[in-house]
Amino acid sequence: MRYVSYIVLSMSLFLFSGCLVAKTQEGATSGEKVTHKSGQSVGMVMNSVAVLDKSLQKWQVFEETADGSIHHVTVGKIAVESSGAKRNETGTLKVWAVLRNRTDFPLQVQARVQFFDEYKVPVEGPSSWQRIILSPNSISAYKENSMGMNDLKYYYIEVREGR
């Protein structure tokens, strides 16, 4: 009988505590700037290209030094060689990124762009993901045009592994 009382009491406390914890706040909450553990901001850098997938950022290669020894080196599978933007004749903004495949095998990646106004507020939704096939040890370009015209000042290109 004594064990039954303990079981009933503990189940009651468990259920009651669940009712107290189940409340959640609805509506707007204050924003918080996310920072990296090193203290650096991990926010978006305007007019840049971000490689999203860690599998594209880290790849082990062997490198031979001048004295003939071989070392393990971690490099990205892809490198962003250059990126930029310019106005088309119609006033839209054209952006590009030149990507290099640093591996000995073909890679399939996807890229999209988000455009921003002078206050760094998104103006258009992100473009659809565009597939880019990179032959081994080659380069290829991602290009995209904005839909809007003169109110665009910044861009942010994202690259991920092909899906």
Protein backbone atom coordinates (compact mmCIF):
# COMPACT_ATOMS: atom_id res chain seq x y z
CA MET A 1 0.00 0.00 0.00
CA ARG A 2 2.85 2.30 0.83
CA TYR A 3 4.42 1.84 -2.65
CA VAL A 4 1.10 2.62 -4.32
CA SER A 5 0.93 5.94 -2.46
CA TYR A 6 4.44 6.87 -3.62
CA ILE A 7 3.59 5.96 -7.20
CA VAL A 8 0.36 7.99 -7.16
CA LEU A 9 2.11 10.94 -5.52
CA SER A 10 5.02 10.92 -7.98
CA MET A 11 2.69 10.61 -11.00
CA SER A 12 0.61 13.52 -9.71
CA LEU A 13 3.70 15.69 -9.26
CA PHE A 14 4.94 14.72 -12.73
CA LEU A 15 1.65 15.63 -14.39
CA PHE A 16 1.33 18.86 -12.41
CA SER A 17 4.90 19.94 -13.26
CA GLY A 18 4.19 19.24 -16.93
CA CYS A 19 1.29 21.69 -16.84
CA LEU A 20 3.57 24.42 -15.48
CA VAL A 21 6.30 23.84 -18.07
CA ALA A 22 3.97 23.54 -21.07
CA LYS A 23 3.33 27.30 -21.25
CA THR A 24 5.08 29.03 -24.12
CA GLN A 25 5.39 32.68 -25.01
CA GLU A 26 3.56 33.75 -28.14
CA GLY A 27 4.13 36.82 -30.22
CA ALA A 28 7.25 38.84 -30.92
CA THR A 29 10.43 38.34 -28.95
CA SER A 30 13.50 40.50 -28.77
CA GLY A 31 16.20 39.78 -31.33
CA GLU A 32 19.68 38.68 -30.42
CA LYS A 33 22.81 39.04 -32.53
CA VAL A 34 24.43 35.65 -33.02
CA THR A 35 28.17 35.57 -32.52
CA HIS A 36 30.74 32.87 -33.05
CA LYS A 37 32.43 31.40 -29.97
CA SER A 38 35.54 33.38 -30.91
CA GLY A 39 33.55 36.58 -30.50
CA GLN A 40 33.27 37.33 -34.20
CA SER A 41 29.89 38.07 -35.70
CA VAL A 42 28.50 35.33 -37.93
CA GLY A 43 26.07 37.61 -39.67
CA MET A 44 25.78 38.04 -43.40
CA VAL A 45 28.48 39.96 -45.19
CA MET A 46 26.90 41.96 -47.98
CA ASN A 47 28.21 41.57 -51.54
CA SER A 48 29.77 38.22 -50.74
CA VAL A 49 29.44 34.48 -51.38
CA ALA A 50 28.80 32.04 -48.52
CA VAL A 51 29.49 28.31 -48.82
CA LEU A 52 26.82 26.79 -46.59
CA ASP A 53 27.70 23.08 -46.40
CA LYS A 54 30.62 22.00 -44.23
CA SER A 55 31.21 19.10 -46.64
CA LEU A 56 32.21 21.70 -49.26
CA GLN A 57 34.30 23.71 -46.80
CA LYS A 58 36.52 20.91 -45.52
CA TRP A 59 38.46 18.37 -47.52
CA GLN A 60 41.69 16.59 -46.67
CA VAL A 61 44.49 16.71 -49.23
CA PHE A 62 48.15 15.77 -49.12
CA GLU A 63 50.69 18.46 -49.88
CA GLU A 64 54.39 17.93 -50.50
CA THR A 65 56.75 20.52 -49.08
CA ALA A 66 60.10 21.67 -50.47
CA ASP A 67 62.00 19.18 -48.30
CA GLY A 68 59.96 16.27 -49.73
CA SER A 69 57.81 15.60 -46.66
CA ILE A 70 54.06 15.16 -47.09
CA HIS A 71 51.52 16.90 -44.86
CA HIS A 72 47.77 16.67 -44.43
CA VAL A 73 46.12 19.95 -45.32
CA THR A 74 42.45 20.87 -44.96
CA VAL A 75 41.07 22.95 -47.83
CA GLY A 76 37.63 23.58 -49.25
CA LYS A 77 36.34 21.36 -52.04
CA ILE A 78 35.35 24.55 -53.81
CA ALA A 79 36.88 28.00 -53.78
CA VAL A 80 35.19 31.28 -54.64
CA GLU A 81 37.61 32.86 -57.11
CA SER A 82 35.68 36.09 -57.56
CA SER A 83 32.22 37.65 -57.34
CA GLY A 84 30.66 40.91 -58.31
CA ALA A 85 27.68 42.84 -59.58
CA LYS A 86 26.87 45.38 -62.27
CA ARG A 87 23.85 47.19 -63.65
CA ASN A 88 22.31 45.88 -66.86
CA GLU A 89 21.02 48.27 -69.53
CA THR A 90 17.50 47.72 -68.16
CA GLY A 91 18.50 48.87 -64.65
CA THR A 92 18.40 45.44 -63.07
CA LEU A 93 21.35 44.14 -61.09
CA LYS A 94 23.37 41.22 -62.46
CA VAL A 95 25.51 39.24 -59.99
CA TRP A 96 28.06 36.49 -60.55
CA ALA A 97 30.38 34.20 -58.67
CA VAL A 98 33.23 32.21 -60.17
CA LEU A 99 33.61 28.85 -58.40
CA ARG A 100 36.60 26.52 -58.59
CA ASN A 101 36.39 22.75 -58.08
CA ARG A 102 39.56 21.88 -56.13
CA THR A 103 38.95 18.12 -56.27
CA ASP A 104 39.88 15.40 -58.77
CA PHE A 105 36.23 14.42 -59.27
CA PRO A 106 33.13 16.21 -60.60
CA LEU A 107 31.04 18.21 -58.16
CA GLN A 108 27.44 19.32 -58.30
CA VAL A 109 26.58 22.45 -56.32
CA GLN A 110 23.62 24.82 -56.18
CA ALA A 111 23.60 28.59 -55.76
CA ARG A 112 21.03 31.31 -55.17
CA VAL A 113 21.09 35.03 -54.46
CA GLN A 114 19.21 37.43 -52.20
CA PHE A 115 19.06 41.14 -53.10
CA PHE A 116 18.93 43.99 -50.55
CA ASP A 117 18.16 47.71 -50.61
CA GLU A 118 20.34 50.56 -49.32
CA TYR A 119 19.28 49.77 -45.71
CA LYS A 120 20.28 46.09 -46.11
CA VAL A 121 16.67 44.99 -46.05
CA PRO A 122 15.71 42.10 -48.37
CA VAL A 123 13.91 43.48 -51.42
CA GLU A 124 13.18 40.32 -53.36
CA GLY A 125 12.79 36.80 -52.08
CA PRO A 126 15.82 34.59 -52.66
CA SER A 127 16.12 33.30 -56.21
CA SER A 128 15.53 29.63 -56.88
CA TRP A 129 18.47 27.27 -56.47
CA GLN A 130 20.45 26.96 -59.71
CA ARG A 131 22.45 23.79 -60.37
CA ILE A 132 26.12 24.15 -61.32
CA ILE A 133 28.19 21.21 -62.56
CA LEU A 134 31.91 21.58 -61.86
CA SER A 135 34.26 19.28 -63.74
CA PRO A 136 37.36 18.09 -61.85
CA ASN A 137 39.85 20.91 -61.20
CA SER A 138 37.82 23.39 -63.23
CA ILE A 139 35.98 26.69 -62.81
CA SER A 140 32.42 27.66 -63.60
CA ALA A 141 30.31 30.77 -63.10
CA TYR A 142 27.00 31.34 -61.36
CA LYS A 143 25.04 34.28 -62.80
CA GLU A 144 21.68 35.75 -61.83
CA ASN A 145 19.70 38.90 -62.62
CA SER A 146 17.44 40.75 -60.21
CA MET A 147 13.80 41.35 -60.97
CA GLY A 148 13.78 44.85 -59.46
CA MET A 149 15.66 47.89 -60.59
CA ASN A 150 17.31 50.87 -58.93
CA ASP A 151 16.43 50.20 -55.28
CA LEU A 152 18.91 47.30 -55.11
CA LYS A 153 22.30 48.02 -53.57
CA TYR A 154 23.58 44.73 -52.14
CA TYR A 155 23.57 41.00 -52.82
CA TYR A 156 24.33 37.81 -50.88
CA ILE A 157 25.04 34.58 -52.77
CA GLU A 158 24.67 31.20 -51.05
CA VAL A 159 26.26 27.98 -52.33
CA ARG A 160 25.34 24.50 -51.13
CA GLU A 161 26.02 20.94 -52.17
CA GLY A 162 23.75 19.75 -55.01
CA ARG A 163 20.55 17.99 -53.97
